[in-house]
């Protein structure tokens, strides 16, 4: 009886084989292939630079007590080597 309940509950569950299909490209010559490859490399390089340069969204208002307590490095970015970069100002040293 228990097996029958499981079968009833699982009647709408299907197992499929999700495999990503290979991306098909329409290029006719090796020169076009090379241009397309260079374009994608350039695009990925640009996206990486933009991702590194963009500032993350802040959880708390910058300069608020909550931000200083819970997220003191808010607004810090990472450089190309992965180092956390944070600019200190005089008011950070007020006390």
PDB file of N, CA and C in Angstrom:
ATOM      1  N   UNK A   1       0.821  -1.188   0.000  1.00  0.00           N
ATOM      2  CA  UNK A   1       0.000   0.000   0.000  1.00  0.00           C
ATOM      3  C   UNK A   1       0.869   1.257   0.000  1.00  0.00           C
ATOM      4  N   UNK A   2       1.946   1.248   0.768  1.00  0.00           N
ATOM      5  CA  UNK A   2       2.836   2.397   0.833  1.00  0.00           C
ATOM      6  C   UNK A   2       3.467   2.665  -0.533  1.00  0.00           C
ATOM      7  N   UNK A   3       3.874   1.626  -1.256  1.00  0.00           N
ATOM      8  CA  UNK A   3       4.464   1.771  -2.585  1.00  0.00           C
ATOM      9  C   UNK A   3       3.443   2.380  -3.546  1.00  0.00           C
ATOM     10  N   UNK A   4       2.181   2.026  -3.390  1.00  0.00           N
ATOM     11  CA  UNK A   4       1.131   2.583  -4.236  1.00  0.00           C
ATOM     12  C   UNK A   4       0.965   4.075  -4.011  1.00  0.00           C
ATOM     13  N   UNK A   5       1.111   4.523  -2.767  1.00  0.00           N
ATOM     14  CA  UNK A   5       1.006   5.953  -2.469  1.00  0.00           C
ATOM     15  C   UNK A   5       2.162   6.729  -3.096  1.00  0.00           C
ATOM     16  N   UNK A   6       3.341   6.147  -3.012  1.00  0.00           N
ATOM     17  CA  UNK A   6       4.507   6.805  -3.609  1.00  0.00           C
ATOM     18  C   UNK A   6       4.336   6.923  -5.116  1.00  0.00           C
ATOM     19  N   UNK A   7       3.877   5.851  -5.757  1.00  0.00           N
ATOM     20  CA  UNK A   7       3.656   5.884  -7.204  1.00  0.00           C
ATOM     21  C   UNK A   7       2.615   6.936  -7.569  1.00  0.00           C
ATOM     22  N   UNK A   8       1.571   7.055  -6.769  1.00  0.00           N
ATOM     23  CA  UNK A   8       0.521   8.043  -7.020  1.00  0.00           C
ATOM     24  C   UNK A   8       1.080   9.462  -6.907  1.00  0.00           C
ATOM     25  N   UNK A   9       1.906   9.700  -5.884  1.00  0.00           N
ATOM     26  CA  UNK A   9       2.479  11.026  -5.695  1.00  0.00           C
ATOM     27  C   UNK A   9       3.487  11.374  -6.785  1.00  0.00           C
ATOM     28  N   UNK A  10       4.167  10.382  -7.298  1.00  0.00           N
ATOM     29  CA  UNK A  10       5.231  10.617  -8.275  1.00  0.00           C
ATOM     30  C   UNK A  10       4.766  10.461  -9.722  1.00  0.00           C
ATOM     31  N   UNK A  11       3.459  10.364  -9.958  1.00  0.00           N
ATOM     32  CA  UNK A  11       2.986  10.111 -11.324  1.00  0.00           C
ATOM     33  C   UNK A  11       3.288  11.268 -12.277  1.00  0.00           C
ATOM     34  N   UNK A  12       3.416  12.488 -11.760  1.00  0.00           N
ATOM     35  CA  UNK A  12       3.690  13.641 -12.617  1.00  0.00           C
ATOM     36  C   UNK A  12       5.168  14.022 -12.661  1.00  0.00           C
ATOM     37  N   UNK A  13       6.022  13.217 -12.052  1.00  0.00           N
ATOM     38  CA  UNK A  13       7.450  13.506 -12.028  1.00  0.00           C
ATOM     39  C   UNK A  13       8.127  12.766 -13.175  1.00  0.00           C
ATOM     40  N   UNK A  14       8.889  13.515 -13.966  1.00  0.00           N
ATOM     41  CA  UNK A  14       9.578  12.925 -15.108  1.00  0.00           C
ATOM     42  C   UNK A  14      11.070  13.186 -14.982  1.00  0.00           C
ATOM     43  N   UNK A  15      11.870  12.231 -15.322  1.00  0.00           N
ATOM     44  CA  UNK A  15      13.319  12.372 -15.308  1.00  0.00           C
ATOM     45  C   UNK A  15      13.756  12.527 -16.759  1.00  0.00           C
ATOM     46  N   UNK A  16      14.455  13.608 -17.002  1.00  0.00           N
ATOM     47  CA  UNK A  16      14.944  13.853 -18.354  1.00  0.00           C
ATOM     48  C   UNK A  16      16.446  14.031 -18.327  1.00  0.00           C
ATOM     49  N   UNK A  17      17.043  13.895 -19.462  1.00  0.00           N
ATOM     50  CA  UNK A  17      18.476  14.051 -19.606  1.00  0.00           C
ATOM     51  C   UNK A  17      18.732  15.438 -20.186  1.00  0.00           C
ATOM     52  N   UNK A  18      19.020  16.414 -19.330  1.00  0.00           N
ATOM     53  CA  UNK A  18      19.253  17.776 -19.796  1.00  0.00           C
ATOM     54  C   UNK A  18      20.727  17.946 -20.134  1.00  0.00           C
ATOM     55  N   UNK A  19      21.000  17.990 -21.397  1.00  0.00           N
ATOM     56  CA  UNK A  19      22.360  18.229 -21.854  1.00  0.00           C
ATOM     57  C   UNK A  19      22.355  19.486 -22.706  1.00  0.00           C
ATOM     58  N   UNK A  20      23.325  20.327 -22.462  1.00  0.00           N
ATOM     59  CA  UNK A  20      23.423  21.555 -23.231  1.00  0.00           C
ATOM     60  C   UNK A  20      23.832  21.215 -24.658  1.00  0.00           C
ATOM     61  N   UNK A  21      23.095  21.753 -25.587  1.00  0.00           N
ATOM     62  CA  UNK A  21      23.413  21.511 -26.991  1.00  0.00           C
ATOM     63  C   UNK A  21      24.601  22.368 -27.387  1.00  0.00           C
ATOM     64  N   UNK A  22      25.422  21.846 -28.254  1.00  0.00           N
ATOM     65  CA  UNK A  22      26.574  22.589 -28.741  1.00  0.00           C
ATOM     66  C   UNK A  22      26.084  23.785 -29.549  1.00  0.00           C
ATOM     67  N   UNK A  23      26.695  24.932 -29.289  1.00  0.00           N
ATOM     68  CA  UNK A  23      26.302  26.136 -29.996  1.00  0.00           C
ATOM     69  C   UNK A  23      26.742  26.032 -31.448  1.00  0.00           C
ATOM     70  N   UNK A  24      25.814  26.265 -32.350  1.00  0.00           N
ATOM     71  CA  UNK A  24      26.123  26.193 -33.769  1.00  0.00           C
ATOM     72  C   UNK A  24      26.429  27.591 -34.276  1.00  0.00           C
ATOM     73  N   UNK A  25      27.517  27.715 -34.987  1.00  0.00           N
ATOM     74  CA  UNK A  25      27.941  29.001 -35.515  1.00  0.00           C
ATOM     75  C   UNK A  25      27.900  28.949 -37.025  1.00  0.00           C
ATOM     76  N   UNK A  26      27.546  30.058 -37.626  1.00  0.00           N
ATOM     77  CA  UNK A  26      27.450  30.116 -39.073  1.00  0.00           C
ATOM     78  C   UNK A  26      28.591  30.966 -39.616  1.00  0.00           C
ATOM     79  N   UNK A  27      29.709  30.334 -39.800  1.00  0.00           N
ATOM     80  CA  UNK A  27      30.842  31.002 -40.439  1.00  0.00           C
ATOM     81  C   UNK A  27      31.263  30.136 -41.617  1.00  0.00           C
ATOM     82  N   UNK A  28      31.721  30.790 -42.653  1.00  0.00           N
ATOM     83  CA  UNK A  28      32.000  30.060 -43.884  1.00  0.00           C
ATOM     84  C   UNK A  28      33.476  29.850 -44.164  1.00  0.00           C
ATOM     85  N   UNK A  29      34.342  30.661 -43.519  1.00  0.00           N
ATOM     86  CA  UNK A  29      35.768  30.527 -43.783  1.00  0.00           C
ATOM     87  C   UNK A  29      36.532  30.514 -42.466  1.00  0.00           C
ATOM     88  N   UNK A  30      37.771  30.112 -42.550  1.00  0.00           N
ATOM     89  CA  UNK A  30      38.617  30.123 -41.358  1.00  0.00           C
ATOM     90  C   UNK A  30      38.884  31.551 -40.898  1.00  0.00           C
ATOM     91  N   UNK A  31      38.919  32.491 -41.823  1.00  0.00           N
ATOM     92  CA  UNK A  31      39.120  33.895 -41.471  1.00  0.00           C
ATOM     93  C   UNK A  31      37.947  34.402 -40.623  1.00  0.00           C
ATOM     94  N   UNK A  32      36.725  34.048 -41.009  1.00  0.00           N
ATOM     95  CA  UNK A  32      35.552  34.418 -40.222  1.00  0.00           C
ATOM     96  C   UNK A  32      35.577  33.746 -38.850  1.00  0.00           C
ATOM     97  N   UNK A  33      36.022  32.483 -38.810  1.00  0.00           N
ATOM     98  CA  UNK A  33      36.147  31.777 -37.536  1.00  0.00           C
ATOM     99  C   UNK A  33      37.099  32.519 -36.603  1.00  0.00           C
ATOM    100  N   UNK A  34      38.225  32.944 -37.142  1.00  0.00           N
ATOM    101  CA  UNK A  34      39.226  33.644 -36.350  1.00  0.00           C
ATOM    102  C   UNK A  34      38.695  35.001 -35.870  1.00  0.00           C
ATOM    103  N   UNK A  35      38.012  35.731 -36.738  1.00  0.00           N
ATOM    104  CA  UNK A  35      37.423  37.010 -36.353  1.00  0.00           C
ATOM    105  C   UNK A  35      36.383  36.816 -35.235  1.00  0.00           C
ATOM    106  N   UNK A  36      35.564  35.796 -35.386  1.00  0.00           N
ATOM    107  CA  UNK A  36      34.536  35.514 -34.381  1.00  0.00           C
ATOM    108  C   UNK A  36      35.174  35.145 -33.043  1.00  0.00           C
ATOM    109  N   UNK A  37      36.230  34.336 -33.081  1.00  0.00           N
ATOM    110  CA  UNK A  37      36.942  33.947 -31.871  1.00  0.00           C
ATOM    111  C   UNK A  37      37.547  35.166 -31.184  1.00  0.00           C
ATOM    112  N   UNK A  38      38.193  36.033 -31.951  1.00  0.00           N
ATOM    113  CA  UNK A  38      38.790  37.250 -31.381  1.00  0.00           C
ATOM    114  C   UNK A  38      37.720  38.168 -30.804  1.00  0.00           C
ATOM    115  N   UNK A  39      36.573  38.255 -31.482  1.00  0.00           N
ATOM    116  CA  UNK A  39      35.472  39.074 -30.983  1.00  0.00           C
ATOM    117  C   UNK A  39      35.014  38.570 -29.620  1.00  0.00           C
ATOM    118  N   UNK A  40      34.838  37.260 -29.479  1.00  0.00           N
ATOM    119  CA  UNK A  40      34.393  36.700 -28.197  1.00  0.00           C
ATOM    120  C   UNK A  40      35.447  36.883 -27.105  1.00  0.00           C
ATOM    121  N   UNK A  41      36.713  36.750 -27.446  1.00  0.00           N
ATOM    122  CA  UNK A  41      37.765  37.000 -26.466  1.00  0.00           C
ATOM    123  C   UNK A  41      37.720  38.453 -26.001  1.00  0.00           C
ATOM    124  N   UNK A  42      37.572  39.365 -26.926  1.00  0.00           N
ATOM    125  CA  UNK A  42      37.509  40.788 -26.597  1.00  0.00           C
ATOM    126  C   UNK A  42      36.280  41.087 -25.740  1.00  0.00           C
ATOM    127  N   UNK A  43      35.156  40.502 -26.085  1.00  0.00           N
ATOM    128  CA  UNK A  43      33.929  40.710 -25.327  1.00  0.00           C
ATOM    129  C   UNK A  43      34.066  40.185 -23.900  1.00  0.00           C
ATOM    130  N   UNK A  44      34.618  38.997 -23.730  1.00  0.00           N
ATOM    131  CA  UNK A  44      34.817  38.432 -22.395  1.00  0.00           C
ATOM    132  C   UNK A  44      35.797  39.263 -21.581  1.00  0.00           C
ATOM    133  N   UNK A  45      36.844  39.775 -22.219  1.00  0.00           N
ATOM    134  CA  UNK A  45      37.806  40.634 -21.541  1.00  0.00           C
ATOM    135  C   UNK A  45      37.127  41.914 -21.060  1.00  0.00           C
ATOM    136  N   UNK A  46      36.310  42.509 -21.908  1.00  0.00           N
ATOM    137  CA  UNK A  46      35.586  43.726 -21.547  1.00  0.00           C
ATOM    138  C   UNK A  46      34.637  43.468 -20.374  1.00  0.00           C
ATOM    139  N   UNK A  47      33.893  42.373 -20.427  1.00  0.00           N
ATOM    140  CA  UNK A  47      32.958  42.041 -19.351  1.00  0.00           C
ATOM    141  C   UNK A  47      33.694  41.847 -18.029  1.00  0.00           C
ATOM    142  N   UNK A  48      34.870  41.248 -18.074  1.00  0.00           N
ATOM    143  CA  UNK A  48      35.658  41.038 -16.857  1.00  0.00           C
ATOM    144  C   UNK A  48      36.117  42.373 -16.276  1.00  0.00           C
ATOM    145  N   UNK A  49      36.556  43.289 -17.136  1.00  0.00           N
ATOM    146  CA  UNK A  49      36.990  44.607 -16.669  1.00  0.00           C
ATOM    147  C   UNK A  49      35.823  45.376 -16.058  1.00  0.00           C
ATOM    148  N   UNK A  50      34.670  45.307 -16.678  1.00  0.00           N
ATOM    149  CA  UNK A  50      33.492  46.006 -16.163  1.00  0.00           C
ATOM    150  C   UNK A  50      33.076  45.403 -14.825  1.00  0.00           C
ATOM    151  N   UNK A  51      33.138  44.085 -14.704  1.00  0.00           N
ATOM    152  CA  UNK A  51      32.756  43.419 -13.458  1.00  0.00           C
ATOM    153  C   UNK A  51      33.692  43.826 -12.327  1.00  0.00           C
ATOM    154  N   UNK A  52      34.980  43.927 -12.609  1.00  0.00           N
ATOM    155  CA  UNK A  52      35.954  44.313 -11.585  1.00  0.00           C
ATOM    156  C   UNK A  52      35.766  45.782 -11.203  1.00  0.00           C
ATOM    157  N   UNK A  53      35.507  46.632 -12.190  1.00  0.00           N
ATOM    158  CA  UNK A  53      35.414  48.064 -11.940  1.00  0.00           C
ATOM    159  C   UNK A  53      34.102  48.483 -11.281  1.00  0.00           C
ATOM    160  N   UNK A  54      33.049  47.697 -11.468  1.00  0.00           N
ATOM    161  CA  UNK A  54      31.754  48.112 -10.928  1.00  0.00           C
ATOM    162  C   UNK A  54      31.741  47.966  -9.410  1.00  0.00           C
ATOM    163  N   UNK A  55      31.059  48.880  -8.747  1.00  0.00           N
ATOM    164  CA  UNK A  55      30.976  48.846  -7.298  1.00  0.00           C
ATOM    165  C   UNK A  55      29.778  48.015  -6.881  1.00  0.00           C
ATOM    166  N   UNK A  56      29.931  47.209  -5.836  1.00  0.00           N
ATOM    167  CA  UNK A  56      28.810  46.375  -5.385  1.00  0.00           C
ATOM    168  C   UNK A  56      27.731  47.228  -4.713  1.00  0.00           C
ATOM    169  N   UNK A  57      26.504  46.721  -4.731  1.00  0.00           N
ATOM    170  CA  UNK A  57      25.398  47.417  -4.075  1.00  0.00           C
ATOM    171  C   UNK A  57      25.604  47.354  -2.559  1.00  0.00           C
ATOM    172  N   UNK A  58      25.256  48.434  -1.867  1.00  0.00           N
ATOM    173  CA  UNK A  58      25.455  48.500  -0.427  1.00  0.00           C
ATOM    174  C   UNK A  58      24.226  47.984   0.307  1.00  0.00           C
ATOM    175  N   UNK A  59      24.446  47.234   1.391  1.00  0.00           N
ATOM    176  CA  UNK A  59      23.343  46.736   2.216  1.00  0.00           C
ATOM    177  C   UNK A  59      22.756  47.860   3.057  1.00  0.00           C
ATOM    178  N   UNK A  60      23.622  48.724   3.567  1.00  0.00           N
ATOM    179  CA  UNK A  60      23.206  49.817   4.442  1.00  0.00           C
ATOM    180  C   UNK A  60      23.651  51.134   3.824  1.00  0.00           C
ATOM    181  N   UNK A  61      23.014  52.214   4.223  1.00  0.00           N
ATOM    182  CA  UNK A  61      23.376  53.532   3.712  1.00  0.00           C
ATOM    183  C   UNK A  61      24.824  53.847   4.078  1.00  0.00           C
ATOM    184  N   UNK A  62      25.594  54.308   3.104  1.00  0.00           N
ATOM    185  CA  UNK A  62      27.012  54.558   3.334  1.00  0.00           C
ATOM    186  C   UNK A  62      27.194  55.642   4.395  1.00  0.00           C
ATOM    187  N   UNK A  63      28.018  55.366   5.386  1.00  0.00           N
ATOM    188  CA  UNK A  63      28.296  56.295   6.470  1.00  0.00           C
ATOM    189  C   UNK A  63      27.387  56.133   7.671  1.00  0.00           C
ATOM    190  N   UNK A  64      26.332  55.312   7.542  1.00  0.00           N
ATOM    191  CA  UNK A  64      25.425  55.123   8.675  1.00  0.00           C
ATOM    192  C   UNK A  64      26.089  54.248   9.736  1.00  0.00           C
ATOM    193  N   UNK A  65      25.556  54.271  10.933  1.00  0.00           N
ATOM    194  CA  UNK A  65      26.098  53.474  12.029  1.00  0.00           C
ATOM    195  C   UNK A  65      26.035  51.991  11.694  1.00  0.00           C
ATOM    196  N   UNK A  66      24.923  51.546  11.103  1.00  0.00           N
ATOM    197  CA  UNK A  66      24.802  50.139  10.719  1.00  0.00           C
ATOM    198  C   UNK A  66      25.895  49.744   9.733  1.00  0.00           C
ATOM    199  N   UNK A  67      26.128  50.599   8.765  1.00  0.00           N
ATOM    200  CA  UNK A  67      27.155  50.284   7.772  1.00  0.00           C
ATOM    201  C   UNK A  67      28.529  50.211   8.418  1.00  0.00           C
ATOM    202  N   UNK A  68      28.838  51.131   9.324  1.00  0.00           N
ATOM    203  CA  UNK A  68      30.150  51.127   9.965  1.00  0.00           C
ATOM    204  C   UNK A  68      30.335  49.928  10.879  1.00  0.00           C
ATOM    205  N   UNK A  69      29.250  49.430  11.476  1.00  0.00           N
ATOM    206  CA  UNK A  69      29.354  48.278  12.388  1.00  0.00           C
ATOM    207  C   UNK A  69      29.351  46.963  11.622  1.00  0.00           C
ATOM    208  N   UNK A  70      28.352  46.772  10.759  1.00  0.00           N
ATOM    209  CA  UNK A  70      28.145  45.467  10.124  1.00  0.00           C
ATOM    210  C   UNK A  70      28.865  45.275   8.798  1.00  0.00           C
ATOM    211  N   UNK A  71      29.175  46.355   8.101  1.00  0.00           N
ATOM    212  CA  UNK A  71      29.803  46.234   6.785  1.00  0.00           C
ATOM    213  C   UNK A  71      30.842  47.346   6.612  1.00  0.00           C
ATOM    214  N   UNK A  72      31.919  47.300   7.403  1.00  0.00           N
ATOM    215  CA  UNK A  72      32.875  48.414   7.395  1.00  0.00           C
ATOM    216  C   UNK A  72      33.613  48.590   6.069  1.00  0.00           C
ATOM    217  N   UNK A  73      33.721  47.563   5.264  1.00  0.00           N
ATOM    218  CA  UNK A  73      34.426  47.688   3.989  1.00  0.00           C
ATOM    219  C   UNK A  73      33.462  47.856   2.825  1.00  0.00           C
ATOM    220  N   UNK A  74      32.273  48.396   3.097  1.00  0.00           N
ATOM    221  CA  UNK A  74      31.287  48.614   2.034  1.00  0.00           C
ATOM    222  C   UNK A  74      31.860  49.565   0.999  1.00  0.00           C
ATOM    223  N   UNK A  75      31.650  49.236  -0.243  1.00  0.00           N
ATOM    224  CA  UNK A  75      32.155  50.085  -1.317  1.00  0.00           C
ATOM    225  C   UNK A  75      33.554  49.725  -1.760  1.00  0.00           C
ATOM    226  N   UNK A  76      34.184  48.784  -1.079  1.00  0.00           N
ATOM    227  CA  UNK A  76      35.523  48.357  -1.491  1.00  0.00           C
ATOM    228  C   UNK A  76      35.405  47.537  -2.774  1.00  0.00           C
ATOM    229  N   UNK A  77      36.406  47.607  -3.595  1.00  0.00           N
ATOM    230  CA  UNK A  77      36.429  46.847  -4.843  1.00  0.00           C
ATOM    231  C   UNK A  77      37.653  45.947  -4.853  1.00  0.00           C
ATOM    232  N   UNK A  78      37.692  45.053  -5.800  1.00  0.00           N
ATOM    233  CA  UNK A  78      38.860  44.181  -5.968  1.00  0.00           C
ATOM    234  C   UNK A  78      39.581  44.586  -7.238  1.00  0.00           C
ATOM    235  N   UNK A  79      40.900  44.620  -7.155  1.00  0.00           N
ATOM    236  CA  UNK A  79      41.672  44.941  -8.353  1.00  0.00           C
ATOM    237  C   UNK A  79      41.902  43.674  -9.171  1.00  0.00           C
ATOM    238  N   UNK A  80      42.671  43.782 -10.229  1.00  0.00           N
ATOM    239  CA  UNK A  80      42.877  42.651 -11.141  1.00  0.00           C
ATOM    240  C   UNK A  80      43.531  41.456 -10.455  1.00  0.00           C
ATOM    241  N   UNK A  81      44.341  41.700  -9.406  1.00  0.00           N
ATOM    242  CA  UNK A  81      44.994  40.600  -8.696  1.00  0.00           C
ATOM    243  C   UNK A  81      44.100  40.009  -7.614  1.00  0.00           C
ATOM    244  N   UNK A  82      42.928  40.591  -7.387  1.00  0.00           N
ATOM    245  CA  UNK A  82      42.001  40.074  -6.388  1.00  0.00           C
ATOM    246  C   UNK A  82      42.153  40.721  -5.019  1.00  0.00           C
ATOM    247  N   UNK A  83      43.000  41.737  -4.912  1.00  0.00           N
ATOM    248  CA  UNK A  83      43.217  42.420  -3.640  1.00  0.00           C
ATOM    249  C   UNK A  83      42.063  43.372  -3.365  1.00  0.00           C
ATOM    250  N   UNK A  84      41.579  43.398  -2.119  1.00  0.00           N
ATOM    251  CA  UNK A  84      40.508  44.293  -1.724  1.00  0.00           C
ATOM    252  C   UNK A  84      41.057  45.699  -1.593  1.00  0.00           C
ATOM    253  N   UNK A  85      40.458  46.654  -2.299  1.00  0.00           N
ATOM    254  CA  UNK A  85      40.926  48.030  -2.301  1.00  0.00           C
ATOM    255  C   UNK A  85      39.860  48.897  -1.635  1.00  0.00           C
ATOM    256  N   UNK A  86      40.251  49.598  -0.549  1.00  0.00           N
ATOM    257  CA  UNK A  86      39.328  50.463   0.185  1.00  0.00           C
ATOM    258  C   UNK A  86      40.016  51.786   0.443  1.00  0.00           C
ATOM    259  N   UNK A  87      39.368  52.872   0.083  1.00  0.00           N
ATOM    260  CA  UNK A  87      39.958  54.198   0.266  1.00  0.00           C
ATOM    261  C   UNK A  87      39.511  54.758   1.612  1.00  0.00           C
ATOM    262  N   UNK A  88      40.470  55.079   2.458  1.00  0.00           N
ATOM    263  CA  UNK A  88      40.184  55.634   3.776  1.00  0.00           C
ATOM    264  C   UNK A  88      40.127  57.158   3.674  1.00  0.00           C
ATOM    265  N   UNK A  89      39.223  57.767   4.444  1.00  0.00           N
ATOM    266  CA  UNK A  89      39.114  59.228   4.503  1.00  0.00           C
ATOM    267  C   UNK A  89      39.280  59.652   5.955  1.00  0.00           C
ATOM    268  N   UNK A  90      39.492  60.952   6.187  1.00  0.00           N
ATOM    269  CA  UNK A  90      39.767  61.460   7.538  1.00  0.00           C
ATOM    270  C   UNK A  90      38.670  61.133   8.542  1.00  0.00           C
ATOM    271  N   UNK A  91      37.416  61.163   8.115  1.00  0.00           N
ATOM    272  CA  UNK A  91      36.342  60.915   9.071  1.00  0.00           C
ATOM    273  C   UNK A  91      36.337  59.465   9.579  1.00  0.00           C
ATOM    274  N   UNK A  92      36.989  58.552   8.864  1.00  0.00           N
ATOM    275  CA  UNK A  92      37.109  57.165   9.334  1.00  0.00           C
ATOM    276  C   UNK A  92      38.003  57.086  10.574  1.00  0.00           C
ATOM    277  N   UNK A  93      38.847  58.102  10.768  1.00  0.00           N
ATOM    278  CA  UNK A  93      39.764  58.120  11.898  1.00  0.00           C
ATOM    279  C   UNK A  93      39.336  59.122  12.979  1.00  0.00           C
ATOM    280  N   UNK A  94      38.091  59.541  12.990  1.00  0.00           N
ATOM    281  CA  UNK A  94      37.655  60.624  13.879  1.00  0.00           C
ATOM    282  C   UNK A  94      37.763  60.287  15.363  1.00  0.00           C
ATOM    283  N   UNK A  95      37.685  59.046  15.739  1.00  0.00           N
ATOM    284  CA  UNK A  95      37.758  58.690  17.161  1.00  0.00           C
ATOM    285  C   UNK A  95      38.997  57.902  17.410  1.00  0.00           C
TER     286      UNK A  95
END
